[in-house]
Amino acid sequence: MLEKVVGSFAIKGLKGVNMDHSEIVRALESCELFRELGKSDIEKVAGLCRGENDRPGEYVFRQGEPGKQIYIISEGHVFLERSVDLGPRKGNAIICTLGKGRALGCWSTLLDEPHYLMASATCQKATKIVVMNGADLRDMMLSNIDLGLNVFRKLCFILRDRLQGAFGAMEKI
């Protein structure tokens, strides 16, 4: 696991970063969660972000971990997968495969609620991801109500699709 020291804090798990600001902006502009925002709002959100590179097979996050981040796929593909234990029926269910422009992570952080991740995200191939702290995005959404309502509206559609995917995946177990 890599470690980077920022100020007096060590951030464990920070992966290789080589994404410049303009690449982060392009990723946000193509993202399902931010696509309808104006250029100035995209620039503000980009200020909250950092880039991350993941290799095939690496976890972006794991089911059961505390969730604090929102992730945007800039390049590559990620499996969103849930381990399921239904008594005699156990296994891993792939909820969906996410590619460029798709958002994932811990949505409850936008509501200021602590939460443990309900699925794992694994890279299928080399993947570039934009990462932001959900609490920072929440603060921005509260200070800019138009931005906040736009993001929450998009989030509702994303959650609907993920729930449908999760139910469909569980039926196959």
N, C-alpha and C. Protein backbone atom coordinates (compact mmCIF):
# COMPACT_ATOMS: atom_id res chain seq x y z
N MET A 1 0.85 -1.18 0.00
CA MET A 1 0.00 0.00 0.00
C MET A 1 0.89 1.23 0.00
N LEU A 2 0.58 2.18 -0.86
CA LEU A 2 1.34 3.41 -0.94
C LEU A 2 0.91 4.38 0.15
N GLU A 3 1.83 5.25 0.50
CA GLU A 3 1.50 6.25 1.51
C GLU A 3 2.08 7.58 1.07
N LYS A 4 1.33 8.64 1.20
CA LYS A 4 1.79 9.99 0.87
C LYS A 4 1.58 10.86 2.10
N VAL A 5 2.54 11.69 2.41
CA VAL A 5 2.42 12.59 3.54
C VAL A 5 1.94 13.94 3.04
N VAL A 6 0.83 14.40 3.59
CA VAL A 6 0.26 15.69 3.25
C VAL A 6 0.20 16.48 4.54
N GLY A 7 1.00 17.54 4.64
CA GLY A 7 1.09 18.26 5.90
C GLY A 7 1.65 17.30 6.93
N SER A 8 0.96 17.14 8.03
CA SER A 8 1.40 16.19 9.05
C SER A 8 0.60 14.91 9.00
N PHE A 9 -0.24 14.73 7.95
CA PHE A 9 -1.09 13.56 7.85
C PHE A 9 -0.56 12.61 6.80
N ALA A 10 -0.59 11.34 7.08
CA ALA A 10 -0.23 10.32 6.09
C ALA A 10 -1.52 9.76 5.52
N ILE A 11 -1.61 9.75 4.20
CA ILE A 11 -2.79 9.21 3.54
C ILE A 11 -2.43 7.85 3.00
N LYS A 12 -2.95 6.81 3.59
CA LYS A 12 -2.66 5.45 3.14
C LYS A 12 -3.56 5.10 1.97
N GLY A 13 -3.00 4.34 1.05
CA GLY A 13 -3.77 3.87 -0.07
C GLY A 13 -3.83 4.84 -1.24
N LEU A 14 -3.15 5.98 -1.16
CA LEU A 14 -3.14 6.92 -2.27
C LEU A 14 -2.36 6.29 -3.41
N LYS A 15 -2.99 6.14 -4.55
CA LYS A 15 -2.37 5.46 -5.68
C LYS A 15 -1.72 6.48 -6.59
N GLY A 16 -0.97 5.99 -7.56
CA GLY A 16 -0.26 6.86 -8.49
C GLY A 16 -1.16 7.93 -9.07
N VAL A 17 -0.70 9.15 -9.08
CA VAL A 17 -1.50 10.26 -9.56
C VAL A 17 -0.75 10.93 -10.71
N ASN A 18 -1.39 11.01 -11.87
CA ASN A 18 -0.78 11.75 -12.97
C ASN A 18 -1.86 12.39 -13.83
N MET A 19 -2.88 12.91 -13.21
CA MET A 19 -3.99 13.53 -13.92
C MET A 19 -3.92 15.03 -13.65
N ASP A 20 -3.84 15.82 -14.72
CA ASP A 20 -3.78 17.26 -14.53
C ASP A 20 -5.20 17.83 -14.40
N HIS A 21 -5.27 19.11 -14.08
CA HIS A 21 -6.55 19.77 -13.82
C HIS A 21 -7.49 19.68 -15.02
N SER A 22 -6.96 19.89 -16.22
CA SER A 22 -7.82 19.86 -17.41
C SER A 22 -8.39 18.46 -17.65
N GLU A 23 -7.64 17.43 -17.32
CA GLU A 23 -8.15 16.06 -17.46
C GLU A 23 -9.26 15.78 -16.44
N ILE A 24 -9.11 16.31 -15.24
CA ILE A 24 -10.15 16.18 -14.22
C ILE A 24 -11.41 16.91 -14.67
N VAL A 25 -11.26 18.10 -15.22
CA VAL A 25 -12.41 18.86 -15.71
C VAL A 25 -13.13 18.08 -16.81
N ARG A 26 -12.39 17.52 -17.77
CA ARG A 26 -13.01 16.73 -18.85
C ARG A 26 -13.76 15.53 -18.29
N ALA A 27 -13.18 14.87 -17.28
CA ALA A 27 -13.86 13.71 -16.67
C ALA A 27 -15.17 14.14 -16.01
N LEU A 28 -15.17 15.27 -15.32
CA LEU A 28 -16.38 15.76 -14.67
C LEU A 28 -17.43 16.17 -15.69
N GLU A 29 -17.00 16.81 -16.78
CA GLU A 29 -17.93 17.23 -17.82
C GLU A 29 -18.64 16.04 -18.47
N SER A 30 -17.96 14.91 -18.55
CA SER A 30 -18.57 13.72 -19.17
C SER A 30 -19.28 12.83 -18.16
N CYS A 31 -19.24 13.20 -16.90
CA CYS A 31 -19.80 12.35 -15.83
C CYS A 31 -21.31 12.51 -15.72
N GLU A 32 -21.97 11.39 -15.54
CA GLU A 32 -23.43 11.36 -15.38
C GLU A 32 -23.91 12.22 -14.23
N LEU A 33 -23.10 12.40 -13.22
CA LEU A 33 -23.51 13.15 -12.03
C LEU A 33 -23.37 14.67 -12.22
N PHE A 34 -22.44 15.10 -13.06
CA PHE A 34 -22.13 16.53 -13.19
C PHE A 34 -22.36 17.08 -14.59
N ARG A 35 -22.79 16.26 -15.51
CA ARG A 35 -22.89 16.62 -16.93
C ARG A 35 -23.66 17.91 -17.19
N GLU A 36 -24.69 18.20 -16.43
CA GLU A 36 -25.52 19.39 -16.69
C GLU A 36 -25.05 20.65 -15.97
N LEU A 37 -23.95 20.55 -15.24
CA LEU A 37 -23.43 21.74 -14.56
C LEU A 37 -22.75 22.67 -15.55
N GLY A 38 -22.77 23.96 -15.24
CA GLY A 38 -22.06 24.95 -16.04
C GLY A 38 -20.56 24.85 -15.82
N LYS A 39 -19.82 25.47 -16.71
CA LYS A 39 -18.35 25.44 -16.67
C LYS A 39 -17.80 25.93 -15.33
N SER A 40 -18.36 27.02 -14.79
CA SER A 40 -17.83 27.55 -13.53
C SER A 40 -18.06 26.57 -12.37
N ASP A 41 -19.22 25.90 -12.36
CA ASP A 41 -19.48 24.91 -11.31
C ASP A 41 -18.57 23.69 -11.47
N ILE A 42 -18.35 23.26 -12.71
CA ILE A 42 -17.42 22.14 -12.96
C ILE A 42 -16.04 22.50 -12.44
N GLU A 43 -15.59 23.71 -12.69
CA GLU A 43 -14.27 24.15 -12.21
C GLU A 43 -14.21 24.12 -10.69
N LYS A 44 -15.30 24.53 -10.03
CA LYS A 44 -15.33 24.50 -8.56
C LYS A 44 -15.24 23.06 -8.06
N VAL A 45 -16.01 22.16 -8.65
CA VAL A 45 -15.98 20.76 -8.24
C VAL A 45 -14.59 20.17 -8.51
N ALA A 46 -13.99 20.52 -9.63
CA ALA A 46 -12.65 20.01 -9.97
C ALA A 46 -11.62 20.38 -8.90
N GLY A 47 -11.83 21.51 -8.24
CA GLY A 47 -10.92 21.90 -7.17
C GLY A 47 -10.96 20.97 -5.96
N LEU A 48 -11.98 20.15 -5.86
CA LEU A 48 -12.11 19.18 -4.76
C LEU A 48 -11.44 17.84 -5.10
N CYS A 49 -11.00 17.68 -6.33
CA CYS A 49 -10.65 16.34 -6.85
C CYS A 49 -9.15 16.10 -6.97
N ARG A 50 -8.84 14.83 -7.02
CA ARG A 50 -7.49 14.36 -7.33
C ARG A 50 -7.64 13.17 -8.27
N GLY A 51 -6.58 12.85 -8.98
CA GLY A 51 -6.59 11.71 -9.89
C GLY A 51 -5.95 10.49 -9.26
N GLU A 52 -6.36 9.33 -9.73
CA GLU A 52 -5.84 8.06 -9.22
C GLU A 52 -5.77 7.07 -10.38
N ASN A 53 -4.72 6.28 -10.42
CA ASN A 53 -4.57 5.22 -11.42
C ASN A 53 -4.64 3.87 -10.72
N ASP A 54 -5.46 2.99 -11.26
CA ASP A 54 -5.59 1.65 -10.70
C ASP A 54 -5.25 0.62 -11.77
N ARG A 55 -4.61 -0.45 -11.36
CA ARG A 55 -4.25 -1.54 -12.27
C ARG A 55 -5.38 -2.56 -12.33
N PRO A 56 -5.39 -3.38 -13.37
CA PRO A 56 -6.41 -4.44 -13.46
C PRO A 56 -6.40 -5.30 -12.19
N GLY A 57 -7.57 -5.59 -11.67
CA GLY A 57 -7.71 -6.42 -10.48
C GLY A 57 -7.65 -5.65 -9.17
N GLU A 58 -7.22 -4.39 -9.20
CA GLU A 58 -7.15 -3.60 -7.97
C GLU A 58 -8.54 -3.15 -7.56
N TYR A 59 -8.72 -3.07 -6.25
CA TYR A 59 -9.98 -2.55 -5.70
C TYR A 59 -9.92 -1.02 -5.65
N VAL A 60 -10.99 -0.39 -6.09
CA VAL A 60 -11.17 1.03 -5.86
C VAL A 60 -11.62 1.19 -4.41
N PHE A 61 -12.56 0.33 -3.99
CA PHE A 61 -12.99 0.22 -2.60
C PHE A 61 -13.57 -1.16 -2.39
N ARG A 62 -13.71 -1.55 -1.12
CA ARG A 62 -14.21 -2.88 -0.77
C ARG A 62 -15.48 -2.80 0.07
N GLN A 63 -16.35 -3.73 -0.19
CA GLN A 63 -17.59 -3.85 0.58
C GLN A 63 -17.23 -3.94 2.06
N GLY A 64 -17.97 -3.19 2.88
CA GLY A 64 -17.75 -3.21 4.33
C GLY A 64 -16.83 -2.13 4.84
N GLU A 65 -16.07 -1.47 3.95
CA GLU A 65 -15.21 -0.38 4.39
C GLU A 65 -16.05 0.87 4.65
N PRO A 66 -15.58 1.74 5.56
CA PRO A 66 -16.31 3.00 5.73
C PRO A 66 -16.18 3.82 4.44
N GLY A 67 -17.26 4.43 4.03
CA GLY A 67 -17.25 5.19 2.78
C GLY A 67 -17.20 6.68 3.02
N LYS A 68 -16.31 7.35 2.30
CA LYS A 68 -16.18 8.80 2.42
C LYS A 68 -15.96 9.47 1.08
N GLN A 69 -15.73 8.69 0.04
CA GLN A 69 -15.33 9.24 -1.25
C GLN A 69 -16.39 9.03 -2.32
N ILE A 70 -16.35 9.90 -3.31
CA ILE A 70 -17.11 9.76 -4.56
C ILE A 70 -16.06 9.59 -5.65
N TYR A 71 -16.30 8.67 -6.57
CA TYR A 71 -15.35 8.34 -7.62
C TYR A 71 -16.00 8.53 -8.99
N ILE A 72 -15.23 9.04 -9.94
CA ILE A 72 -15.67 9.22 -11.32
C ILE A 72 -14.67 8.48 -12.20
N ILE A 73 -15.15 7.63 -13.08
CA ILE A 73 -14.26 6.90 -13.97
C ILE A 73 -13.93 7.79 -15.16
N SER A 74 -12.64 8.07 -15.32
CA SER A 74 -12.17 8.89 -16.43
C SER A 74 -11.82 8.01 -17.63
N GLU A 75 -11.21 6.86 -17.37
CA GLU A 75 -10.86 5.87 -18.39
C GLU A 75 -10.90 4.50 -17.74
N GLY A 76 -11.29 3.48 -18.51
CA GLY A 76 -11.27 2.11 -18.01
C GLY A 76 -12.65 1.60 -17.64
N HIS A 77 -12.64 0.46 -16.95
CA HIS A 77 -13.89 -0.19 -16.55
C HIS A 77 -13.76 -0.77 -15.14
N VAL A 78 -14.87 -0.69 -14.40
CA VAL A 78 -14.92 -1.17 -13.02
C VAL A 78 -16.13 -2.07 -12.85
N PHE A 79 -15.93 -3.22 -12.21
CA PHE A 79 -17.05 -4.07 -11.79
C PHE A 79 -17.55 -3.57 -10.45
N LEU A 80 -18.83 -3.36 -10.31
CA LEU A 80 -19.46 -3.08 -9.02
C LEU A 80 -20.06 -4.41 -8.60
N GLU A 81 -19.58 -4.95 -7.49
CA GLU A 81 -19.89 -6.33 -7.10
C GLU A 81 -20.24 -6.41 -5.62
N ARG A 82 -21.20 -7.25 -5.30
CA ARG A 82 -21.61 -7.43 -3.91
C ARG A 82 -21.50 -8.89 -3.52
N SER A 83 -20.89 -9.14 -2.37
CA SER A 83 -20.89 -10.48 -1.78
C SER A 83 -22.24 -10.67 -1.10
N VAL A 84 -22.87 -11.80 -1.37
CA VAL A 84 -24.20 -12.06 -0.86
C VAL A 84 -24.21 -13.38 -0.10
N ASP A 85 -24.86 -13.39 1.07
CA ASP A 85 -25.01 -14.61 1.85
C ASP A 85 -26.49 -14.75 2.19
N LEU A 86 -27.17 -15.58 1.43
CA LEU A 86 -28.60 -15.83 1.63
C LEU A 86 -28.81 -17.24 2.17
N GLY A 87 -28.04 -17.58 3.20
CA GLY A 87 -28.13 -18.93 3.76
C GLY A 87 -27.47 -19.92 2.82
N PRO A 88 -28.25 -20.81 2.23
CA PRO A 88 -27.65 -21.80 1.34
C PRO A 88 -27.16 -21.20 0.01
N ARG A 89 -27.59 -20.00 -0.30
CA ARG A 89 -27.19 -19.34 -1.55
C ARG A 89 -26.20 -18.23 -1.23
N LYS A 90 -24.93 -18.49 -1.56
CA LYS A 90 -23.87 -17.53 -1.29
C LYS A 90 -23.10 -17.28 -2.58
N GLY A 91 -22.53 -16.12 -2.68
CA GLY A 91 -21.70 -15.83 -3.83
C GLY A 91 -21.50 -14.35 -4.02
N ASN A 92 -20.87 -14.04 -5.14
CA ASN A 92 -20.64 -12.66 -5.52
C ASN A 92 -21.54 -12.33 -6.69
N ALA A 93 -22.22 -11.22 -6.60
CA ALA A 93 -23.11 -10.79 -7.67
C ALA A 93 -22.57 -9.51 -8.28
N ILE A 94 -22.35 -9.52 -9.59
CA ILE A 94 -21.92 -8.31 -10.27
C ILE A 94 -23.17 -7.47 -10.52
N ILE A 95 -23.20 -6.32 -9.91
CA ILE A 95 -24.34 -5.41 -10.03
C ILE A 95 -24.32 -4.72 -11.38
N CYS A 96 -23.14 -4.27 -11.79
CA CYS A 96 -23.00 -3.64 -13.10
C CYS A 96 -21.53 -3.45 -13.42
N THR A 97 -21.26 -3.19 -14.67
CA THR A 97 -19.94 -2.80 -15.12
C THR A 97 -20.03 -1.33 -15.47
N LEU A 98 -19.12 -0.55 -14.91
CA LEU A 98 -19.14 0.90 -15.10
C LEU A 98 -17.93 1.32 -15.92
N GLY A 99 -18.15 2.25 -16.84
CA GLY A 99 -17.08 2.77 -17.68
C GLY A 99 -16.98 4.28 -17.58
N LYS A 100 -16.34 4.84 -18.57
CA LYS A 100 -16.05 6.28 -18.62
C LYS A 100 -17.32 7.10 -18.34
N GLY A 101 -17.16 8.08 -17.45
CA GLY A 101 -18.24 9.00 -17.14
C GLY A 101 -19.18 8.53 -16.04
N ARG A 102 -18.97 7.34 -15.54
CA ARG A 102 -19.86 6.81 -14.50
C ARG A 102 -19.34 7.17 -13.11
N ALA A 103 -20.26 7.39 -12.20
CA ALA A 103 -19.94 7.77 -10.83
C ALA A 103 -20.25 6.62 -9.89
N LEU A 104 -19.47 6.49 -8.84
CA LEU A 104 -19.70 5.46 -7.83
C LEU A 104 -19.10 5.93 -6.52
N GLY A 105 -19.42 5.21 -5.45
CA GLY A 105 -18.86 5.54 -4.16
C GLY A 105 -19.90 5.54 -3.06
N CYS A 106 -19.63 6.31 -2.04
CA CYS A 106 -20.49 6.34 -0.87
C CYS A 106 -21.40 7.56 -0.94
N TRP A 107 -22.63 7.31 -1.38
CA TRP A 107 -23.58 8.41 -1.57
C TRP A 107 -24.05 8.99 -0.24
N SER A 108 -24.11 8.19 0.81
CA SER A 108 -24.64 8.70 2.07
C SER A 108 -23.75 9.79 2.67
N THR A 109 -22.52 9.87 2.24
CA THR A 109 -21.65 10.94 2.71
C THR A 109 -22.20 12.31 2.28
N LEU A 110 -22.97 12.33 1.17
CA LEU A 110 -23.60 13.58 0.73
C LEU A 110 -24.73 14.00 1.67
N LEU A 111 -25.19 13.09 2.51
CA LEU A 111 -26.24 13.38 3.48
C LEU A 111 -25.68 13.55 4.88
N ASP A 112 -24.36 13.55 4.99
CA ASP A 112 -23.67 13.67 6.28
C ASP A 112 -24.00 12.50 7.20
N GLU A 113 -24.11 11.33 6.60
CA GLU A 113 -24.38 10.11 7.35
C GLU A 113 -23.21 9.16 7.21
N PRO A 114 -22.66 8.64 8.31
CA PRO A 114 -21.60 7.63 8.19
C PRO A 114 -22.20 6.35 7.60
N HIS A 115 -21.42 5.66 6.81
CA HIS A 115 -21.95 4.49 6.13
C HIS A 115 -20.82 3.56 5.73
N TYR A 116 -21.13 2.28 5.70
CA TYR A 116 -20.19 1.28 5.21
C TYR A 116 -20.60 0.91 3.80
N LEU A 117 -19.61 0.77 2.94
CA LEU A 117 -19.87 0.49 1.53
C LEU A 117 -20.59 -0.84 1.36
N MET A 118 -21.59 -0.84 0.50
CA MET A 118 -22.45 -2.02 0.32
C MET A 118 -22.00 -2.90 -0.83
N ALA A 119 -20.94 -2.51 -1.52
CA ALA A 119 -20.42 -3.29 -2.64
C ALA A 119 -18.92 -3.02 -2.75
N SER A 120 -18.26 -3.82 -3.57
CA SER A 120 -16.85 -3.60 -3.90
C SER A 120 -16.77 -3.11 -5.33
N ALA A 121 -15.74 -2.35 -5.62
CA ALA A 121 -15.48 -1.90 -6.99
C ALA A 121 -14.08 -2.37 -7.37
N THR A 122 -14.00 -3.15 -8.45
CA THR A 122 -12.75 -3.74 -8.90
C THR A 122 -12.48 -3.33 -10.34
N CYS A 123 -11.25 -2.94 -10.62
CA CYS A 123 -10.89 -2.53 -11.98
C CYS A 123 -10.74 -3.74 -12.88
N GLN A 124 -11.40 -3.69 -14.04
CA GLN A 124 -11.27 -4.73 -15.05
C GLN A 124 -9.96 -4.59 -15.81
N LYS A 125 -9.57 -3.37 -16.07
CA LYS A 125 -8.34 -3.06 -16.79
C LYS A 125 -7.77 -1.79 -16.19
N ALA A 126 -6.64 -1.34 -16.69
CA ALA A 126 -6.06 -0.09 -16.18
C ALA A 126 -7.12 1.00 -16.23
N THR A 127 -7.29 1.68 -15.10
CA THR A 127 -8.39 2.63 -14.96
C THR A 127 -7.90 3.92 -14.31
N LYS A 128 -8.34 5.04 -14.87
CA LYS A 128 -8.08 6.35 -14.28
C LYS A 128 -9.36 6.81 -13.60
N ILE A 129 -9.21 7.25 -12.37
CA ILE A 129 -10.37 7.63 -11.56
C ILE A 129 -10.13 8.99 -10.94
N VAL A 130 -11.19 9.81 -10.95
CA VAL A 130 -11.19 11.09 -10.24
C VAL A 130 -11.84 10.83 -8.89
N VAL A 131 -11.20 11.28 -7.83
CA VAL A 131 -11.66 11.03 -6.47
C VAL A 131 -11.91 12.35 -5.76
N MET A 132 -13.04 12.40 -5.02
CA MET A 132 -13.31 13.58 -4.20
C MET A 132 -13.91 13.14 -2.86
N ASN A 133 -13.68 13.94 -1.87
CA ASN A 133 -14.25 13.69 -0.56
C ASN A 133 -15.73 14.08 -0.60
N GLY A 134 -16.60 13.16 -0.23
CA GLY A 134 -18.03 13.41 -0.27
C GLY A 134 -18.46 14.57 0.63
N ALA A 135 -17.82 14.72 1.78
CA ALA A 135 -18.18 15.82 2.69
C ALA A 135 -17.86 17.18 2.06
N ASP A 136 -16.76 17.25 1.31
CA ASP A 136 -16.42 18.51 0.64
C ASP A 136 -17.44 18.83 -0.44
N LEU A 137 -17.85 17.82 -1.20
CA LEU A 137 -18.88 18.04 -2.22
C LEU A 137 -20.19 18.45 -1.56
N ARG A 138 -20.56 17.80 -0.46
CA ARG A 138 -21.78 18.16 0.26
C ARG A 138 -21.75 19.63 0.68
N ASP A 139 -20.64 20.09 1.24
CA ASP A 139 -20.52 21.48 1.65
C ASP A 139 -20.72 22.42 0.47
N MET A 140 -20.14 22.06 -0.67
CA MET A 140 -20.31 22.88 -1.87
C MET A 140 -21.77 22.89 -2.32
N MET A 141 -22.42 21.74 -2.27
CA MET A 141 -23.82 21.63 -2.67
C MET A 141 -24.72 22.46 -1.75
N LEU A 142 -24.41 22.52 -0.47
CA LEU A 142 -25.20 23.31 0.47
C LEU A 142 -24.99 24.82 0.27
N SER A 143 -23.80 25.19 -0.16
CA SER A 143 -23.54 26.62 -0.37
C SER A 143 -24.00 27.10 -1.75
N ASN A 144 -24.29 26.18 -2.65
CA ASN A 144 -24.78 26.52 -3.98
C ASN A 144 -25.99 25.63 -4.27
N ILE A 145 -27.17 26.09 -3.90
CA ILE A 145 -28.39 25.28 -3.95
C ILE A 145 -28.70 24.78 -5.36
N ASP A 146 -28.48 25.60 -6.39
CA ASP A 146 -28.74 25.14 -7.76
C ASP A 146 -27.85 23.96 -8.11
N LEU A 147 -26.58 24.06 -7.79
CA LEU A 147 -25.65 22.95 -8.00
C LEU A 147 -26.11 21.74 -7.21
N GLY A 148 -26.45 21.95 -5.95
CA GLY A 148 -26.86 20.85 -5.08
C GLY A 148 -28.09 20.13 -5.59
N LEU A 149 -29.12 20.88 -6.01
CA LEU A 149 -30.34 20.24 -6.52
C LEU A 149 -30.06 19.48 -7.81
N ASN A 150 -29.22 20.03 -8.66
CA ASN A 150 -28.88 19.36 -9.91
C ASN A 150 -28.18 18.02 -9.63
N VAL A 151 -27.21 18.04 -8.72
CA VAL A 151 -26.47 16.81 -8.40
C VAL A 151 -27.39 15.79 -7.73
N PHE A 152 -28.24 16.22 -6.79
CA PHE A 152 -29.15 15.28 -6.13
C PHE A 152 -30.16 14.68 -7.11
N ARG A 153 -30.61 15.47 -8.06
CA ARG A 153 -31.53 14.96 -9.08
C ARG A 153 -30.86 13.84 -9.88
N LYS A 154 -29.64 14.09 -10.32
CA LYS A 154 -28.90 13.07 -11.08
C LYS A 154 -28.62 11.85 -10.20
N LEU A 155 -28.32 12.09 -8.94
CA LEU A 155 -28.05 11.00 -8.02
C LEU A 155 -29.26 10.07 -7.88
N CYS A 156 -30.45 10.62 -7.85
CA CYS A 156 -31.66 9.79 -7.76
C CYS A 156 -31.75 8.81 -8.93
N PHE A 157 -31.44 9.26 -10.12
CA PHE A 157 -31.47 8.36 -11.29
C PHE A 157 -30.38 7.29 -11.20
N ILE A 158 -29.20 7.68 -10.74
CA ILE A 158 -28.11 6.72 -10.59
C ILE A 158 -28.50 5.65 -9.58
N LEU A 159 -29.04 6.06 -8.44
CA LEU A 159 -29.42 5.10 -7.40
C LEU A 159 -30.53 4.16 -7.89
N ARG A 160 -31.49 4.68 -8.64
CA ARG A 160 -32.54 3.84 -9.21
C ARG A 160 -31.92 2.74 -10.08
N ASP A 161 -31.00 3.13 -10.95
CA ASP A 161 -30.36 2.16 -11.84
C ASP A 161 -29.54 1.13 -11.06
N ARG A 162 -28.84 1.57 -10.02
CA ARG A 162 -28.02 0.64 -9.23
C ARG A 162 -28.89 -0.34 -8.46
N LEU A 163 -30.01 0.13 -7.92
CA LEU A 163 -30.93 -0.77 -7.21
C LEU A 163 -31.51 -1.82 -8.16
N GLN A 164 -31.88 -1.40 -9.35
CA GLN A 164 -32.39 -2.36 -10.33
C GLN A 164 -31.31 -3.39 -10.67
N GLY A 165 -30.07 -2.93 -10.82
CA GLY A 165 -28.97 -3.85 -11.10
C GLY A 165 -28.72 -4.81 -9.96
N ALA A 166 -28.80 -4.32 -8.73
CA ALA A 166 -28.57 -5.17 -7.56
C ALA A 166 -29.66 -6.24 -7.44
N PHE A 167 -30.91 -5.86 -7.63
CA PHE A 167 -31.99 -6.83 -7.56
C PHE A 167 -31.87 -7.87 -8.66
N GLY A 168 -31.53 -7.43 -9.85
CA GLY A 168 -31.36 -8.37 -10.96
C GLY A 168 -30.21 -9.33 -10.70
N ALA A 169 -29.11 -8.84 -10.14
CA ALA A 169 -27.96 -9.69 -9.85
C ALA A 169 -28.29 -10.71 -8.76
N MET A 170 -29.05 -10.30 -7.74
CA MET A 170 -29.39 -11.23 -6.65
C MET A 170 -30.30 -12.34 -7.15
N GLU A 171 -31.15 -12.06 -8.11
CA GLU A 171 -32.05 -13.09 -8.64
C GLU A 171 -31.28 -14.19 -9.35
N LYS A 172 -30.06 -13.91 -9.79
CA LYS A 172 -29.27 -14.90 -10.51
C LYS A 172 -28.48 -15.83 -9.58
N ILE A 173 -28.46 -15.51 -8.30
CA ILE A 173 -27.68 -16.32 -7.34
C ILE A 173 -28.44 -17.60 -7.03
